[in-house]
N, C-alpha and C. Protein backbone atom coordinates (compact mmCIF):
# COMPACT_ATOMS: atom_id res chain seq x y z
N MET A 1 186.76 66.02 178.23
CA MET A 1 186.81 64.60 177.93
C MET A 1 185.51 64.20 177.22
N ASN A 2 185.64 63.56 176.05
CA ASN A 2 184.42 63.16 175.38
C ASN A 2 184.11 61.68 175.65
N ASN A 3 182.93 61.24 175.23
CA ASN A 3 182.48 59.88 175.50
C ASN A 3 183.45 58.81 175.00
N ASN A 4 184.05 59.02 173.81
CA ASN A 4 184.97 58.01 173.26
C ASN A 4 186.25 57.88 174.10
N ASP A 5 186.61 58.92 174.86
CA ASP A 5 187.77 58.82 175.75
C ASP A 5 187.46 57.89 176.92
N ILE A 6 186.21 57.86 177.34
CA ILE A 6 185.80 57.04 178.48
C ILE A 6 185.51 55.61 178.03
N VAL A 7 184.72 55.47 176.96
CA VAL A 7 184.39 54.16 176.38
C VAL A 7 184.72 54.23 174.89
N PRO A 8 185.81 53.58 174.47
CA PRO A 8 186.21 53.63 173.06
C PRO A 8 185.06 53.21 172.13
N GLY A 9 184.81 54.04 171.11
CA GLY A 9 183.78 53.73 170.12
C GLY A 9 182.36 54.07 170.54
N PHE A 10 182.18 54.66 171.73
CA PHE A 10 180.83 54.92 172.25
C PHE A 10 180.03 55.83 171.32
N ASP A 11 180.67 56.86 170.78
CA ASP A 11 179.96 57.81 169.93
C ASP A 11 180.09 57.52 168.44
N ASP A 12 180.49 56.30 168.08
CA ASP A 12 180.60 55.97 166.66
C ASP A 12 179.24 56.07 165.96
N GLU A 13 178.18 55.73 166.69
CA GLU A 13 176.83 55.88 166.16
C GLU A 13 176.11 56.92 167.00
N LYS A 14 175.30 57.73 166.36
CA LYS A 14 174.52 58.72 167.10
C LYS A 14 173.06 58.65 166.65
N ASP A 15 172.19 59.07 167.54
CA ASP A 15 170.77 59.11 167.24
C ASP A 15 170.24 60.40 167.86
N ASP A 16 169.61 61.24 167.06
CA ASP A 16 169.12 62.53 167.57
C ASP A 16 168.00 62.40 168.58
N SER A 17 167.31 61.25 168.60
CA SER A 17 166.19 61.09 169.53
C SER A 17 166.66 60.80 170.96
N LEU A 18 167.91 60.35 171.10
CA LEU A 18 168.45 60.05 172.43
C LEU A 18 169.92 60.42 172.50
N LYS A 19 170.22 61.40 173.33
CA LYS A 19 171.62 61.81 173.53
C LYS A 19 172.09 61.23 174.86
N ILE A 20 173.31 60.72 174.86
CA ILE A 20 173.89 60.14 176.07
C ILE A 20 175.25 60.79 176.31
N ARG A 21 175.40 61.35 177.51
CA ARG A 21 176.69 61.92 177.90
C ARG A 21 177.23 61.08 179.06
N LEU A 22 178.49 60.69 178.96
CA LEU A 22 179.11 59.86 179.98
C LEU A 22 179.94 60.68 180.95
N GLN A 23 179.96 60.22 182.20
CA GLN A 23 180.82 60.82 183.22
C GLN A 23 181.34 59.68 184.09
N LYS A 24 182.65 59.56 184.15
CA LYS A 24 183.28 58.52 184.97
C LYS A 24 183.25 58.93 186.44
N VAL A 25 182.99 57.97 187.33
CA VAL A 25 183.03 58.23 188.77
C VAL A 25 184.31 57.59 189.29
N ASP A 26 185.34 58.41 189.49
CA ASP A 26 186.66 57.89 189.85
C ASP A 26 186.70 57.22 191.21
N GLU A 27 185.86 57.69 192.15
CA GLU A 27 185.90 57.16 193.52
C GLU A 27 185.35 55.73 193.62
N ILE A 28 184.56 55.32 192.64
CA ILE A 28 183.93 53.99 192.69
C ILE A 28 184.38 53.20 191.47
N GLU A 29 185.00 52.05 191.72
CA GLU A 29 185.54 51.24 190.63
C GLU A 29 184.44 50.78 189.67
N GLY A 30 184.69 50.95 188.36
CA GLY A 30 183.75 50.48 187.34
C GLY A 30 182.43 51.22 187.33
N CYS A 31 182.43 52.49 187.80
CA CYS A 31 181.18 53.25 187.91
C CYS A 31 181.12 54.33 186.83
N LEU A 32 179.95 54.43 186.22
CA LEU A 32 179.75 55.37 185.12
C LEU A 32 178.37 56.01 185.25
N VAL A 33 178.31 57.33 185.07
CA VAL A 33 177.02 58.03 185.03
C VAL A 33 176.69 58.25 183.56
N LEU A 34 175.46 57.91 183.18
CA LEU A 34 174.99 58.12 181.82
C LEU A 34 173.85 59.13 181.89
N TYR A 35 174.09 60.32 181.35
CA TYR A 35 173.07 61.37 181.33
C TYR A 35 172.24 61.18 180.06
N LEU A 36 170.96 60.85 180.22
CA LEU A 36 170.09 60.56 179.09
C LEU A 36 169.22 61.78 178.78
N THR A 37 169.17 62.17 177.52
CA THR A 37 168.34 63.29 177.08
C THR A 37 167.57 62.86 175.84
N GLY A 38 166.24 62.98 175.91
CA GLY A 38 165.41 62.59 174.77
C GLY A 38 164.40 61.55 175.20
N TYR A 39 164.28 60.50 174.38
CA TYR A 39 163.33 59.44 174.69
C TYR A 39 163.87 58.08 174.25
N ILE A 40 163.28 57.03 174.81
CA ILE A 40 163.65 55.66 174.43
C ILE A 40 162.36 54.96 174.03
N ASP A 41 162.30 54.50 172.78
CA ASP A 41 161.12 53.79 172.30
C ASP A 41 161.53 52.58 171.48
N THR A 42 160.58 51.96 170.83
CA THR A 42 160.83 50.75 170.04
C THR A 42 161.88 50.99 168.96
N TYR A 43 161.88 52.20 168.39
CA TYR A 43 162.76 52.48 167.25
C TYR A 43 164.21 52.73 167.64
N ASN A 44 164.45 53.31 168.80
CA ASN A 44 165.84 53.61 169.15
C ASN A 44 166.38 52.76 170.31
N SER A 45 165.59 51.83 170.83
CA SER A 45 166.05 51.04 171.98
C SER A 45 167.23 50.14 171.61
N ASN A 46 167.28 49.64 170.38
CA ASN A 46 168.42 48.82 169.94
C ASN A 46 169.71 49.63 169.97
N PHE A 47 169.62 50.85 169.48
CA PHE A 47 170.75 51.78 169.48
C PHE A 47 171.20 52.05 170.92
N PHE A 48 170.23 52.30 171.81
CA PHE A 48 170.49 52.54 173.23
C PHE A 48 171.20 51.33 173.84
N GLN A 49 170.68 50.14 173.59
CA GLN A 49 171.28 48.91 174.15
C GLN A 49 172.70 48.70 173.65
N LYS A 50 172.92 48.91 172.35
CA LYS A 50 174.26 48.71 171.79
C LYS A 50 175.28 49.61 172.46
N ARG A 51 174.92 50.88 172.64
CA ARG A 51 175.86 51.84 173.23
C ARG A 51 176.15 51.51 174.69
N VAL A 52 175.11 51.20 175.46
CA VAL A 52 175.32 50.90 176.88
C VAL A 52 176.08 49.57 177.03
N ASN A 53 175.78 48.60 176.18
CA ASN A 53 176.51 47.33 176.24
C ASN A 53 178.00 47.54 175.96
N ARG A 54 178.31 48.51 175.14
CA ARG A 54 179.71 48.85 174.86
C ARG A 54 180.40 49.32 176.16
N ALA A 55 179.67 50.08 176.97
CA ALA A 55 180.21 50.54 178.26
C ALA A 55 180.39 49.35 179.21
N ILE A 56 179.42 48.43 179.22
CA ILE A 56 179.51 47.25 180.09
C ILE A 56 180.71 46.38 179.67
N GLU A 57 180.90 46.23 178.36
CA GLU A 57 182.05 45.47 177.85
C GLU A 57 183.37 46.14 178.22
N ALA A 58 183.34 47.45 178.44
CA ALA A 58 184.55 48.19 178.85
C ALA A 58 184.71 48.15 180.38
N SER A 59 184.03 47.19 181.03
CA SER A 59 184.12 46.93 182.48
C SER A 59 183.43 47.96 183.36
N TYR A 60 182.49 48.70 182.82
CA TYR A 60 181.65 49.57 183.66
C TYR A 60 180.42 48.75 184.05
N ILE A 61 180.42 48.29 185.32
CA ILE A 61 179.33 47.42 185.78
C ILE A 61 178.47 48.09 186.85
N ARG A 62 178.86 49.27 187.26
CA ARG A 62 178.05 50.06 188.20
C ARG A 62 177.55 51.28 187.43
N LEU A 63 176.32 51.18 186.95
CA LEU A 63 175.80 52.19 186.04
C LEU A 63 174.77 53.07 186.74
N ILE A 64 174.94 54.37 186.60
CA ILE A 64 173.99 55.34 187.16
C ILE A 64 173.38 56.06 185.97
N PHE A 65 172.08 55.85 185.76
CA PHE A 65 171.38 56.52 184.67
C PHE A 65 170.70 57.77 185.21
N ASN A 66 171.17 58.94 184.79
CA ASN A 66 170.52 60.19 185.18
C ASN A 66 169.43 60.44 184.15
N CYS A 67 168.18 60.34 184.60
CA CYS A 67 167.03 60.39 183.70
C CYS A 67 166.34 61.75 183.69
N ALA A 68 166.98 62.80 184.23
CA ALA A 68 166.36 64.13 184.30
C ALA A 68 165.94 64.63 182.92
N GLY A 69 166.71 64.33 181.89
CA GLY A 69 166.40 64.80 180.54
C GLY A 69 165.62 63.80 179.70
N LEU A 70 165.22 62.71 180.33
CA LEU A 70 164.49 61.66 179.61
C LEU A 70 163.00 61.95 179.74
N ASN A 71 162.33 62.25 178.61
CA ASN A 71 160.93 62.63 178.72
C ASN A 71 159.94 61.56 178.31
N TYR A 72 160.43 60.40 177.85
CA TYR A 72 159.53 59.29 177.51
C TYR A 72 160.32 57.99 177.46
N VAL A 73 159.73 56.94 178.01
CA VAL A 73 160.31 55.60 177.90
C VAL A 73 159.16 54.65 177.61
N SER A 74 159.27 53.88 176.51
CA SER A 74 158.25 52.89 176.20
C SER A 74 158.56 51.60 176.96
N SER A 75 157.67 50.64 176.87
CA SER A 75 157.92 49.35 177.53
C SER A 75 159.18 48.69 176.96
N THR A 76 159.44 48.90 175.68
CA THR A 76 160.66 48.36 175.06
C THR A 76 161.90 49.00 175.70
N GLY A 77 161.81 50.30 175.97
CA GLY A 77 162.91 51.02 176.63
C GLY A 77 163.17 50.47 178.03
N ILE A 78 162.10 50.19 178.75
CA ILE A 78 162.25 49.62 180.10
C ILE A 78 162.87 48.23 180.00
N GLY A 79 162.53 47.51 178.94
CA GLY A 79 163.16 46.21 178.69
C GLY A 79 164.67 46.34 178.53
N SER A 80 165.12 47.45 177.96
CA SER A 80 166.56 47.70 177.81
C SER A 80 167.23 47.81 179.18
N PHE A 81 166.60 48.55 180.10
CA PHE A 81 167.16 48.67 181.45
C PHE A 81 167.24 47.31 182.13
N THR A 82 166.22 46.48 181.92
CA THR A 82 166.20 45.13 182.49
C THR A 82 167.36 44.32 181.92
N ALA A 83 167.61 44.44 180.62
CA ALA A 83 168.72 43.72 179.98
C ALA A 83 170.06 44.16 180.57
N PHE A 84 170.21 45.47 180.85
CA PHE A 84 171.46 45.96 181.44
C PHE A 84 171.65 45.36 182.84
N LEU A 85 170.56 45.30 183.60
CA LEU A 85 170.61 44.74 184.95
C LEU A 85 171.07 43.28 184.89
N LYS A 86 170.51 42.53 183.94
CA LYS A 86 170.89 41.11 183.77
C LYS A 86 172.35 40.98 183.34
N ALA A 87 172.87 41.97 182.61
CA ALA A 87 174.26 41.91 182.14
C ALA A 87 175.26 42.23 183.25
N VAL A 88 174.91 43.17 184.16
CA VAL A 88 175.88 43.60 185.17
C VAL A 88 175.80 42.81 186.48
N LYS A 89 174.62 42.29 186.83
CA LYS A 89 174.45 41.58 188.11
C LYS A 89 175.42 40.40 188.26
N PRO A 90 175.55 39.52 187.26
CA PRO A 90 176.48 38.38 187.42
C PRO A 90 177.93 38.80 187.58
N ARG A 91 178.27 40.02 187.17
CA ARG A 91 179.64 40.54 187.29
C ARG A 91 179.83 41.32 188.58
N GLY A 92 178.82 41.31 189.45
CA GLY A 92 178.92 42.03 190.71
C GLY A 92 178.51 43.49 190.61
N GLY A 93 177.86 43.85 189.53
CA GLY A 93 177.45 45.23 189.32
C GLY A 93 175.97 45.44 189.62
N ASP A 94 175.52 46.65 189.35
CA ASP A 94 174.12 46.99 189.57
C ASP A 94 173.85 48.27 188.81
N LEU A 95 172.59 48.71 188.81
CA LEU A 95 172.32 50.00 188.22
C LEU A 95 171.36 50.80 189.09
N VAL A 96 171.52 52.11 188.98
CA VAL A 96 170.72 53.05 189.75
C VAL A 96 170.12 54.04 188.76
N LEU A 97 168.85 54.38 188.99
CA LEU A 97 168.18 55.38 188.17
C LEU A 97 168.00 56.64 189.01
N LEU A 98 168.31 57.78 188.44
CA LEU A 98 168.21 59.06 189.15
C LEU A 98 167.27 60.02 188.47
N GLU A 99 166.68 60.89 189.26
CA GLU A 99 165.91 62.04 188.76
C GLU A 99 164.93 61.66 187.65
N ILE A 100 164.13 60.63 187.90
CA ILE A 100 163.16 60.18 186.90
C ILE A 100 161.97 61.13 186.89
N GLN A 101 161.61 61.61 185.72
CA GLN A 101 160.45 62.49 185.59
C GLN A 101 159.18 61.71 185.93
N PRO A 102 158.18 62.36 186.54
CA PRO A 102 156.97 61.66 186.98
C PRO A 102 156.29 60.80 185.91
N LYS A 103 156.18 61.31 184.68
CA LYS A 103 155.48 60.51 183.66
C LYS A 103 156.31 59.29 183.22
N VAL A 104 157.62 59.38 183.32
CA VAL A 104 158.47 58.22 183.00
C VAL A 104 158.39 57.22 184.15
N TYR A 105 158.42 57.71 185.39
CA TYR A 105 158.31 56.84 186.57
C TYR A 105 156.99 56.07 186.55
N GLU A 106 155.93 56.74 186.09
CA GLU A 106 154.62 56.12 186.01
C GLU A 106 154.66 54.87 185.12
N VAL A 107 155.39 54.95 184.00
CA VAL A 107 155.51 53.79 183.11
C VAL A 107 156.21 52.64 183.84
N PHE A 108 157.29 52.95 184.58
CA PHE A 108 157.99 51.93 185.36
C PHE A 108 157.02 51.27 186.35
N GLN A 109 156.21 52.11 187.03
CA GLN A 109 155.27 51.58 188.03
C GLN A 109 154.17 50.76 187.39
N LEU A 110 153.57 51.27 186.32
CA LEU A 110 152.47 50.57 185.67
C LEU A 110 152.89 49.20 185.16
N LEU A 111 154.12 49.12 184.68
CA LEU A 111 154.61 47.84 184.17
C LEU A 111 155.16 46.95 185.29
N GLY A 112 155.13 47.46 186.53
CA GLY A 112 155.58 46.66 187.66
C GLY A 112 157.09 46.58 187.81
N PHE A 113 157.81 47.52 187.20
CA PHE A 113 159.28 47.45 187.23
C PHE A 113 159.92 48.34 188.28
N SER A 114 159.14 49.24 188.89
CA SER A 114 159.76 50.20 189.81
C SER A 114 160.44 49.51 190.99
N GLN A 115 159.96 48.31 191.38
CA GLN A 115 160.57 47.63 192.53
C GLN A 115 161.86 46.89 192.16
N PHE A 116 162.14 46.71 190.88
CA PHE A 116 163.34 45.98 190.47
C PHE A 116 164.56 46.88 190.37
N PHE A 117 164.33 48.17 190.25
CA PHE A 117 165.43 49.09 190.05
C PHE A 117 165.71 49.91 191.31
N ASN A 118 166.96 50.24 191.51
CA ASN A 118 167.35 51.11 192.60
C ASN A 118 167.14 52.54 192.11
N ILE A 119 166.16 53.19 192.69
CA ILE A 119 165.84 54.55 192.28
C ILE A 119 166.26 55.49 193.41
N LYS A 120 167.15 56.40 193.09
CA LYS A 120 167.68 57.34 194.08
C LYS A 120 167.37 58.77 193.64
N ASP A 121 167.48 59.70 194.59
CA ASP A 121 167.16 61.09 194.30
C ASP A 121 168.31 61.87 193.68
N ASN A 122 169.55 61.50 194.03
CA ASN A 122 170.67 62.29 193.53
C ASN A 122 171.94 61.43 193.43
N LEU A 123 172.97 62.04 192.86
CA LEU A 123 174.24 61.34 192.61
C LEU A 123 174.90 60.89 193.91
N GLU A 124 174.77 61.69 194.97
CA GLU A 124 175.38 61.32 196.26
C GLU A 124 174.77 60.02 196.79
N GLU A 125 173.43 59.90 196.72
CA GLU A 125 172.75 58.68 197.19
C GLU A 125 173.17 57.48 196.35
N ALA A 126 173.32 57.68 195.04
CA ALA A 126 173.74 56.59 194.16
C ALA A 126 175.16 56.15 194.52
N GLY A 127 176.04 57.12 194.78
CA GLY A 127 177.41 56.82 195.18
C GLY A 127 177.45 56.05 196.48
N GLU A 128 176.63 56.46 197.46
CA GLU A 128 176.55 55.75 198.74
C GLU A 128 176.09 54.31 198.54
N PHE A 129 175.11 54.13 197.67
CA PHE A 129 174.57 52.80 197.38
C PHE A 129 175.71 51.88 196.91
N PHE A 130 176.52 52.36 195.96
CA PHE A 130 177.61 51.54 195.45
C PHE A 130 178.75 51.41 196.46
N SER A 131 178.99 52.44 197.26
CA SER A 131 180.05 52.38 198.27
C SER A 131 179.74 51.32 199.33
N LYS A 132 178.44 51.13 199.58
CA LYS A 132 178.04 50.12 200.57
C LYS A 132 177.89 48.74 199.93
N GLY A 133 178.46 48.56 198.76
CA GLY A 133 178.42 47.25 198.11
C GLY A 133 177.12 46.96 197.39
N GLY A 134 176.34 48.01 197.13
CA GLY A 134 175.11 47.82 196.37
C GLY A 134 173.99 47.16 197.14
N GLN A 135 174.10 47.11 198.45
CA GLN A 135 173.03 46.49 199.24
C GLN A 135 172.30 47.56 200.04
N THR A 136 170.99 47.47 200.06
CA THR A 136 170.24 48.35 200.93
C THR A 136 170.09 47.61 202.25
N ALA A 137 169.96 48.34 203.32
CA ALA A 137 169.91 47.73 204.65
C ALA A 137 168.86 46.64 204.72
N GLY A 138 169.24 45.48 205.23
CA GLY A 138 168.30 44.40 205.45
C GLY A 138 167.97 43.58 204.22
N SER A 139 168.51 43.90 203.06
CA SER A 139 168.11 43.17 201.86
C SER A 139 169.05 42.02 201.51
N ALA A 140 170.17 41.91 202.18
CA ALA A 140 171.19 40.95 201.79
C ALA A 140 170.71 39.50 201.81
N SER A 141 170.01 39.07 202.85
CA SER A 141 169.70 37.66 202.97
C SER A 141 168.41 37.25 202.26
N VAL A 142 167.38 38.08 202.32
CA VAL A 142 166.06 37.71 201.82
C VAL A 142 165.89 37.95 200.32
N PHE A 143 166.50 39.02 199.84
CA PHE A 143 166.26 39.44 198.46
C PHE A 143 167.42 39.07 197.55
N PRO A 144 167.19 38.83 196.26
CA PRO A 144 165.90 38.90 195.60
C PRO A 144 164.99 37.74 196.03
N LYS A 145 163.72 38.00 196.15
CA LYS A 145 162.74 37.00 196.59
C LYS A 145 161.74 36.76 195.46
N ILE A 146 161.55 35.48 195.15
CA ILE A 146 160.56 35.10 194.15
C ILE A 146 159.35 34.56 194.90
N PHE A 147 158.16 35.04 194.54
CA PHE A 147 156.93 34.63 195.23
C PHE A 147 155.76 34.73 194.27
N LYS A 148 154.62 34.21 194.67
CA LYS A 148 153.42 34.28 193.84
C LYS A 148 152.49 35.37 194.34
N CYS A 149 151.87 36.08 193.41
CA CYS A 149 150.88 37.09 193.76
C CYS A 149 149.73 36.39 194.49
N PRO A 150 149.32 36.92 195.66
CA PRO A 150 148.25 36.27 196.41
C PRO A 150 146.89 36.31 195.70
N ILE A 151 146.74 37.14 194.68
CA ILE A 151 145.47 37.27 193.97
C ILE A 151 145.43 36.38 192.72
N CYS A 152 146.42 36.54 191.82
CA CYS A 152 146.37 35.83 190.53
C CYS A 152 147.39 34.71 190.41
N SER A 153 148.25 34.53 191.41
CA SER A 153 149.29 33.49 191.43
C SER A 153 150.41 33.70 190.40
N LYS A 154 150.51 34.89 189.83
CA LYS A 154 151.61 35.21 188.91
C LYS A 154 152.91 35.17 189.70
N LYS A 155 153.94 34.55 189.11
CA LYS A 155 155.24 34.48 189.75
C LYS A 155 155.91 35.86 189.64
N LEU A 156 156.32 36.42 190.78
CA LEU A 156 156.92 37.75 190.83
C LEU A 156 158.27 37.69 191.52
N LYS A 157 159.07 38.72 191.30
CA LYS A 157 160.38 38.80 191.94
C LYS A 157 160.55 40.20 192.52
N ALA A 158 160.94 40.26 193.78
CA ALA A 158 161.22 41.54 194.43
C ALA A 158 162.69 41.60 194.79
N THR A 159 163.34 42.72 194.46
CA THR A 159 164.76 42.86 194.78
C THR A 159 164.97 43.56 196.11
N LYS A 160 163.90 44.17 196.64
CA LYS A 160 164.01 44.88 197.92
C LYS A 160 162.61 45.06 198.50
N SER A 161 162.55 45.46 199.77
CA SER A 161 161.25 45.69 200.39
C SER A 161 160.61 46.93 199.79
N GLY A 162 159.28 47.03 199.92
CA GLY A 162 158.58 48.19 199.41
C GLY A 162 157.22 47.83 198.86
N ARG A 163 156.58 48.80 198.21
CA ARG A 163 155.28 48.57 197.60
C ARG A 163 155.43 48.51 196.10
N PHE A 164 154.64 47.67 195.46
CA PHE A 164 154.65 47.60 194.00
C PHE A 164 153.36 46.98 193.51
N ARG A 165 153.22 46.92 192.21
CA ARG A 165 152.01 46.43 191.57
C ARG A 165 152.31 45.12 190.84
N CYS A 166 151.42 44.15 190.98
CA CYS A 166 151.56 42.88 190.25
C CYS A 166 151.49 43.18 188.75
N SER A 167 152.41 42.62 187.99
CA SER A 167 152.46 42.91 186.55
C SER A 167 151.28 42.27 185.82
N GLU A 168 150.65 41.27 186.41
CA GLU A 168 149.54 40.57 185.76
C GLU A 168 148.19 41.20 186.11
N CYS A 169 147.82 41.21 187.40
CA CYS A 169 146.48 41.65 187.80
C CYS A 169 146.44 43.08 188.34
N LYS A 170 147.61 43.73 188.43
CA LYS A 170 147.74 45.13 188.87
C LYS A 170 147.40 45.36 190.34
N THR A 171 147.31 44.29 191.14
CA THR A 171 147.06 44.44 192.57
C THR A 171 148.27 45.10 193.22
N ILE A 172 148.02 46.03 194.15
CA ILE A 172 149.11 46.67 194.87
C ILE A 172 149.54 45.75 196.02
N LEU A 173 150.83 45.44 196.05
CA LEU A 173 151.39 44.54 197.05
C LEU A 173 152.47 45.27 197.83
N ALA A 174 152.74 44.77 199.02
CA ALA A 174 153.85 45.31 199.82
C ALA A 174 154.66 44.12 200.31
N ILE A 175 155.97 44.32 200.40
CA ILE A 175 156.85 43.27 200.92
C ILE A 175 157.76 43.93 201.96
N ASP A 176 157.85 43.30 203.13
CA ASP A 176 158.67 43.91 204.19
C ASP A 176 160.10 43.36 204.14
N ASN A 177 160.95 43.88 205.04
CA ASN A 177 162.36 43.48 205.05
C ASN A 177 162.58 41.99 205.29
N SER A 178 161.61 41.33 205.92
CA SER A 178 161.76 39.90 206.18
C SER A 178 161.26 39.06 205.01
N GLY A 179 160.66 39.72 203.98
CA GLY A 179 160.19 38.99 202.81
C GLY A 179 158.71 38.64 202.86
N GLN A 180 158.00 39.10 203.90
CA GLN A 180 156.56 38.84 204.01
C GLN A 180 155.81 39.69 202.99
N VAL A 181 154.84 39.07 202.28
CA VAL A 181 154.07 39.78 201.28
C VAL A 181 152.68 40.09 201.81
N PHE A 182 152.24 41.32 201.59
CA PHE A 182 150.92 41.77 202.06
C PHE A 182 150.20 42.45 200.92
N LEU A 183 148.87 42.54 201.02
CA LEU A 183 148.10 43.33 200.07
C LEU A 183 148.26 44.80 200.44
N GLY A 184 148.43 45.63 199.41
CA GLY A 184 148.40 47.05 199.50
C GLY A 184 149.30 47.82 200.30
């Protein structure tokens, strides 16, 4: 089965810098795995967004991005993932990132985005996440939580508990399951 069988017109445009292979997850409604190979930067992020938006328009709102073959993502590329999240959330969807290489994960962390995305270790964990309605334990009532950084007062948003870095002043913050914010 090729990509166009899953999402009509998906492979009408190709870019050698980023290859995307699709795999439908039959057990979970509207779920699609996108295997990314190559890189995402300022020059090909538009191409990346157009192709993934085509999948979203085809009613795939639970997206699993397998990033094992992704060796570079620029801030523009991370902006693409944010755009996908904004597109699927209102439709009851979500996205999960898998097998992120350390140097790519570092970009997510440095830009303060690692706390906004559901990052899982493998396809089974991603499937469980969607099977449970896309909620992690304890996050249903408090999150997403909007709050101000205790150091620089930058308005921040956390989708789940954990540690992350303020996008403005780079202070390391932690937020617990009840929504309490702490330094470091």
